[in-house]
Amino acid sequence: MPVIAGVTAKQRIYDHFVHQIRSQELKTGQQLPTEKQIAQQFEVSRSTVQAVMARLALEGFVRRQAGQGTFAGRPQDDMNVRVNLDIHNIQSFENEMAVSGDHITYRLLSFSRSSVSSVIASKLSIDPATMVNTLHRLRFLGDDCIGSELRYFSPNIILDVSAHALENQGGHDLIEKGLGLKIGRIDAALRAVVASKEQSMQMNVAEGAPLLVRSHTLFSDDESIILHGESFYVEPFSFRYTATVRGT
């Protein structure tokens, strides 16, 4: 396999399978080679292949079935709009609010080990039967509840943080200061939903009120998954971001 200068092994493997799926050389539902075979083909470790497969699964290019293998997903189309964000310009929600002089506080609803849905399991690249540490908090600006957050931590993360940190630190601080991990990549998506009965009671909004949801998966520098989370925001909050354009 030829090596292109300046391109990492992970990126080469990722680009290879994205091209095969988009061009339909690998048709939807077709099984990919095993991780061992891919590692041998690209002369890399299996952990490198696992990291790439996790990213491909997260982005919908492949689907992984425990005990069966990895299968090509549907090729991405123009309805899926993706941008590359410069991580140096990305601030945590709490830091963005601090810039404008606002301070976010929290109310801890629960922190426990729990099972997760198949969707969350796929985001974390784990078996659906795996129990994970789940953090559920409300966010406040002054006396007003502005939303809630659910964070599902990878079972590979040793979560040794105090109750005080869980009740007072923002998500990025929990990871970088509390766990000593550096965030290397964030995959995020925005969507709109309506508030459920439970959310209406928790956040003091009408049942069926619009909520902005930010789903996000955080990766460390070595592409290991740290957590998958969902943040729910009530009106009138919005997001500003800086995007860098990648050449085609």
Protein backbone atom coordinates (compact mmCIF):
# COMPACT_ATOMS: atom_id res chain seq x y z
CA MET A 1 0.00 0.00 0.00
CA PRO A 2 1.65 3.31 -1.07
CA VAL A 3 2.21 5.87 1.66
CA ILE A 4 1.39 9.52 0.98
CA ALA A 5 3.68 11.97 2.74
CA GLY A 6 2.00 13.91 5.52
CA VAL A 7 -1.02 11.59 5.74
CA THR A 8 -1.39 9.51 8.90
CA ALA A 9 -2.12 5.79 8.79
CA LYS A 10 -5.54 6.41 10.32
CA GLN A 11 -6.40 8.95 7.65
CA ARG A 12 -5.23 6.62 4.86
CA ILE A 13 -7.45 3.81 6.11
CA TYR A 14 -10.38 6.18 6.64
CA ASP A 15 -10.05 7.69 3.15
CA HIS A 16 -9.73 4.22 1.60
CA PHE A 17 -13.01 2.94 3.00
CA VAL A 18 -14.89 6.22 2.51
CA HIS A 19 -13.91 6.10 -1.17
CA GLN A 20 -14.94 2.46 -1.48
CA ILE A 21 -18.33 3.08 0.12
CA ARG A 22 -19.07 6.29 -1.78
CA SER A 23 -18.06 4.71 -5.09
CA GLN A 24 -20.04 1.58 -4.17
CA GLU A 25 -16.99 -0.64 -4.60
CA LEU A 26 -18.22 -1.74 -1.19
CA LYS A 27 -21.98 -1.96 -1.61
CA THR A 28 -24.41 -1.18 1.20
CA GLY A 29 -24.57 -4.17 3.54
CA GLN A 30 -21.39 -5.78 2.24
CA GLN A 31 -19.06 -7.03 4.94
CA LEU A 32 -15.65 -5.37 5.36
CA PRO A 33 -12.46 -7.38 5.91
CA THR A 34 -11.69 -8.23 9.53
CA GLU A 35 -9.70 -5.82 11.68
CA LYS A 36 -6.78 -8.27 11.53
CA GLN A 37 -6.87 -8.34 7.72
CA ILE A 38 -7.06 -4.54 7.47
CA ALA A 39 -4.17 -4.19 9.93
CA GLN A 40 -2.06 -6.52 7.81
CA GLN A 41 -3.03 -4.74 4.58
CA PHE A 42 -2.05 -1.31 5.89
CA GLU A 43 0.76 -2.57 8.13
CA VAL A 44 -0.65 -0.99 11.28
CA SER A 45 -1.80 -2.19 14.70
CA ARG A 46 -5.32 -3.46 15.32
CA SER A 47 -5.90 -0.57 17.75
CA THR A 48 -5.32 1.83 14.85
CA VAL A 49 -7.91 -0.03 12.76
CA GLN A 50 -10.36 -0.06 15.67
CA ALA A 51 -10.09 3.72 16.02
CA VAL A 52 -10.81 4.21 12.31
CA MET A 53 -13.76 1.81 12.39
CA ALA A 54 -15.19 3.68 15.37
CA ARG A 55 -15.00 6.94 13.42
CA LEU A 56 -16.57 5.39 10.30
CA ALA A 57 -19.39 3.95 12.41
CA LEU A 58 -19.98 7.29 14.10
CA GLU A 59 -20.25 9.03 10.73
CA GLY A 60 -22.60 6.39 9.34
CA PHE A 61 -20.25 4.91 6.74
CA VAL A 62 -20.28 1.49 8.40
CA ARG A 63 -22.36 -0.39 10.94
CA ARG A 64 -20.82 -2.76 13.43
CA GLN A 65 -22.57 -5.89 14.71
CA ALA A 66 -21.12 -7.57 17.75
CA GLY A 67 -19.89 -11.06 16.93
CA GLN A 68 -20.69 -10.68 13.23
CA GLY A 69 -18.40 -8.02 11.79
CA THR A 70 -18.46 -4.60 10.17
CA PHE A 71 -20.68 -3.80 7.20
CA ALA A 72 -20.78 -0.96 4.67
CA GLY A 73 -23.47 1.63 5.36
CA ARG A 74 -25.24 3.87 2.92
CA PRO A 75 -22.97 6.33 1.09
CA GLN A 76 -23.24 9.88 2.39
CA ASP A 77 -25.28 12.22 0.22
CA ASP A 78 -25.77 15.98 -0.07
CA MET A 79 -28.45 15.95 2.62
CA ASN A 80 -25.74 15.35 5.20
CA VAL A 81 -23.91 18.67 5.51
CA ARG A 82 -20.55 18.37 7.21
CA VAL A 83 -17.99 21.02 8.09
CA ASN A 84 -14.54 20.75 9.61
CA LEU A 85 -14.27 22.82 12.74
CA ASP A 86 -10.98 24.23 13.90
CA ILE A 87 -10.74 22.81 17.41
CA HIS A 88 -8.59 25.73 18.50
CA ASN A 89 -11.63 27.98 17.97
CA ILE A 90 -14.04 25.69 19.80
CA GLN A 91 -14.91 26.70 23.34
CA SER A 92 -17.00 24.78 25.80
CA PHE A 93 -20.52 26.11 26.29
CA GLU A 94 -19.53 27.29 29.76
CA ASN A 95 -16.51 29.21 28.44
CA GLU A 96 -18.56 30.80 25.67
CA MET A 97 -21.05 32.01 28.27
CA ALA A 98 -18.22 33.25 30.51
CA VAL A 99 -16.96 35.47 27.67
CA SER A 100 -20.24 37.39 27.84
CA GLY A 101 -20.01 37.62 31.62
CA ASP A 102 -22.49 34.85 32.42
CA HIS A 103 -21.88 31.97 34.81
CA ILE A 104 -23.45 28.53 34.42
CA THR A 105 -24.43 26.46 37.44
CA TYR A 106 -25.69 22.88 37.63
CA ARG A 107 -28.17 20.67 39.40
CA LEU A 108 -27.09 17.05 39.48
CA LEU A 109 -30.02 14.76 38.67
CA SER A 110 -28.15 11.46 38.63
CA PHE A 111 -24.77 9.84 38.20
CA SER A 112 -24.89 6.07 37.95
CA ARG A 113 -23.97 3.03 35.91
CA SER A 114 -26.71 2.15 33.47
CA SER A 115 -27.43 0.34 30.24
CA VAL A 116 -27.77 2.41 27.07
CA SER A 117 -29.75 2.29 23.85
CA SER A 118 -28.33 0.62 20.76
CA VAL A 119 -27.79 4.10 19.25
CA ILE A 120 -25.68 5.27 22.20
CA ALA A 121 -23.83 1.94 22.23
CA SER A 122 -22.91 2.41 18.58
CA LYS A 123 -21.64 5.93 19.32
CA LEU A 124 -19.41 4.54 22.07
CA SER A 125 -18.49 1.53 19.91
CA ILE A 126 -19.51 -0.92 22.65
CA ASP A 127 -21.83 -3.87 23.00
CA PRO A 128 -25.39 -2.72 23.91
CA ALA A 129 -25.28 -4.90 27.05
CA THR A 130 -22.33 -2.93 28.46
CA MET A 131 -23.04 -0.76 31.50
CA VAL A 132 -21.60 2.76 31.39
CA ASN A 133 -21.31 5.72 33.74
CA THR A 134 -24.06 8.19 32.89
CA LEU A 135 -24.18 11.80 34.06
CA HIS A 136 -27.47 13.74 33.95
CA ARG A 137 -27.54 17.42 34.97
CA LEU A 138 -29.63 20.53 34.55
CA ARG A 139 -27.94 23.79 33.55
CA PHE A 140 -28.92 27.14 35.04
CA LEU A 141 -28.24 30.76 34.24
CA GLY A 142 -29.15 32.57 37.42
CA ASP A 143 -32.50 31.16 38.50
CA ASP A 144 -33.50 30.11 34.99
CA CYS A 145 -33.03 26.56 33.74
CA ILE A 146 -31.58 26.83 30.24
CA GLY A 147 -31.34 23.13 29.47
CA SER A 148 -30.01 19.75 30.47
CA GLU A 149 -27.14 17.46 29.56
CA LEU A 150 -26.68 13.70 29.37
CA ARG A 151 -23.15 12.33 29.13
CA TYR A 152 -22.33 8.66 28.55
CA PHE A 153 -18.71 7.85 29.39
CA SER A 154 -16.74 5.15 27.61
CA PRO A 155 -16.29 2.09 29.85
CA ASN A 156 -12.57 2.35 29.05
CA ILE A 157 -12.38 5.62 30.99
CA ILE A 158 -11.40 5.40 34.66
CA LEU A 159 -13.83 7.91 36.13
CA ASP A 160 -12.35 9.15 39.39
CA VAL A 161 -13.99 12.53 40.06
CA SER A 162 -15.55 13.96 43.19
CA ALA A 163 -19.23 14.68 43.77
CA HIS A 164 -18.27 18.36 44.06
CA ALA A 165 -16.75 18.28 40.56
CA LEU A 166 -19.85 16.61 39.13
CA GLU A 167 -22.02 19.35 40.60
CA ASN A 168 -19.81 22.31 39.69
CA GLN A 169 -17.49 21.67 36.73
CA GLY A 170 -18.34 21.99 33.05
CA GLY A 171 -17.96 18.98 30.76
CA HIS A 172 -14.60 20.00 29.28
CA ASP A 173 -13.17 20.76 32.72
CA LEU A 174 -14.35 17.39 34.00
CA ILE A 175 -12.45 15.69 31.20
CA GLU A 176 -9.30 17.77 31.02
CA LYS A 177 -8.84 18.75 34.67
CA GLY A 178 -10.68 15.98 36.47
CA LEU A 179 -9.59 13.06 34.27
CA GLY A 180 -6.35 14.49 32.87
CA LEU A 181 -7.39 13.80 29.26
CA LYS A 182 -6.88 16.13 26.32
CA ILE A 183 -9.74 16.46 23.83
CA GLY A 184 -8.38 15.89 20.33
CA ARG A 185 -11.54 15.80 18.22
CA ILE A 186 -15.25 16.53 18.59
CA ASP A 187 -17.89 15.13 16.26
CA ALA A 188 -21.14 17.01 16.75
CA ALA A 189 -24.57 17.36 15.20
CA LEU A 190 -27.51 19.67 15.83
CA ARG A 191 -31.18 18.77 15.62
CA ALA A 192 -34.50 20.02 16.91
CA VAL A 193 -36.91 18.05 19.10
CA VAL A 194 -39.91 18.78 21.28
CA ALA A 195 -39.84 18.52 25.06
CA SER A 196 -41.13 15.30 26.57
CA LYS A 197 -43.32 15.30 29.68
CA GLU A 198 -40.29 14.48 31.84
CA GLN A 199 -38.21 17.26 30.25
CA SER A 200 -41.03 19.77 30.63
CA MET A 201 -41.08 19.12 34.38
CA GLN A 202 -37.31 19.16 34.74
CA MET A 203 -36.65 22.31 32.71
CA ASN A 204 -39.89 24.17 33.47
CA VAL A 205 -41.01 24.41 29.85
CA ALA A 206 -44.26 23.42 28.20
CA GLU A 207 -44.58 19.83 27.05
CA GLY A 208 -43.98 19.90 23.29
CA ALA A 209 -41.89 23.09 23.47
CA PRO A 210 -39.00 23.23 20.95
CA LEU A 211 -35.57 22.16 22.17
CA LEU A 212 -32.25 22.47 20.39
CA VAL A 213 -30.16 19.30 20.81
CA ARG A 214 -26.42 19.11 20.37
CA SER A 215 -25.21 15.52 20.09
CA HIS A 216 -21.46 15.20 20.45
CA THR A 217 -18.79 12.52 20.70
CA LEU A 218 -15.46 13.47 22.22
CA PHE A 219 -12.20 11.77 21.28
CA SER A 220 -8.80 11.95 22.93
CA ASP A 221 -5.57 12.71 21.06
CA ASP A 222 -5.12 9.03 20.23
CA GLU A 223 -8.67 8.83 18.79
CA SER A 224 -10.03 6.88 21.76
CA ILE A 225 -13.65 7.66 22.56
CA ILE A 226 -14.05 9.61 25.80
CA LEU A 227 -17.82 10.07 25.87
CA HIS A 228 -20.97 10.62 23.87
CA GLY A 229 -23.33 13.29 25.08
CA GLU A 230 -26.53 15.12 24.33
CA SER A 231 -27.17 18.69 25.46
CA PHE A 232 -30.70 20.10 25.33
CA TYR A 233 -31.23 23.86 25.15
CA VAL A 234 -34.43 25.85 25.61
CA GLU A 235 -35.13 29.03 23.67
CA PRO A 236 -33.62 31.54 22.95
CA PHE A 237 -30.12 30.03 22.87
CA SER A 238 -28.19 29.60 19.62
CA PHE A 239 -24.71 28.55 18.53
CA ARG A 240 -21.93 30.40 16.75
CA TYR A 241 -19.04 28.48 15.26
CA THR A 242 -16.00 29.02 13.07
CA ALA A 243 -15.51 26.58 10.19
CA THR A 244 -12.41 25.97 8.14
CA VAL A 245 -12.84 25.04 4.48
CA ARG A 246 -11.08 21.88 3.35
CA GLY A 247 -10.05 21.60 -0.29
CA THR A 248 -11.82 18.95 -2.32
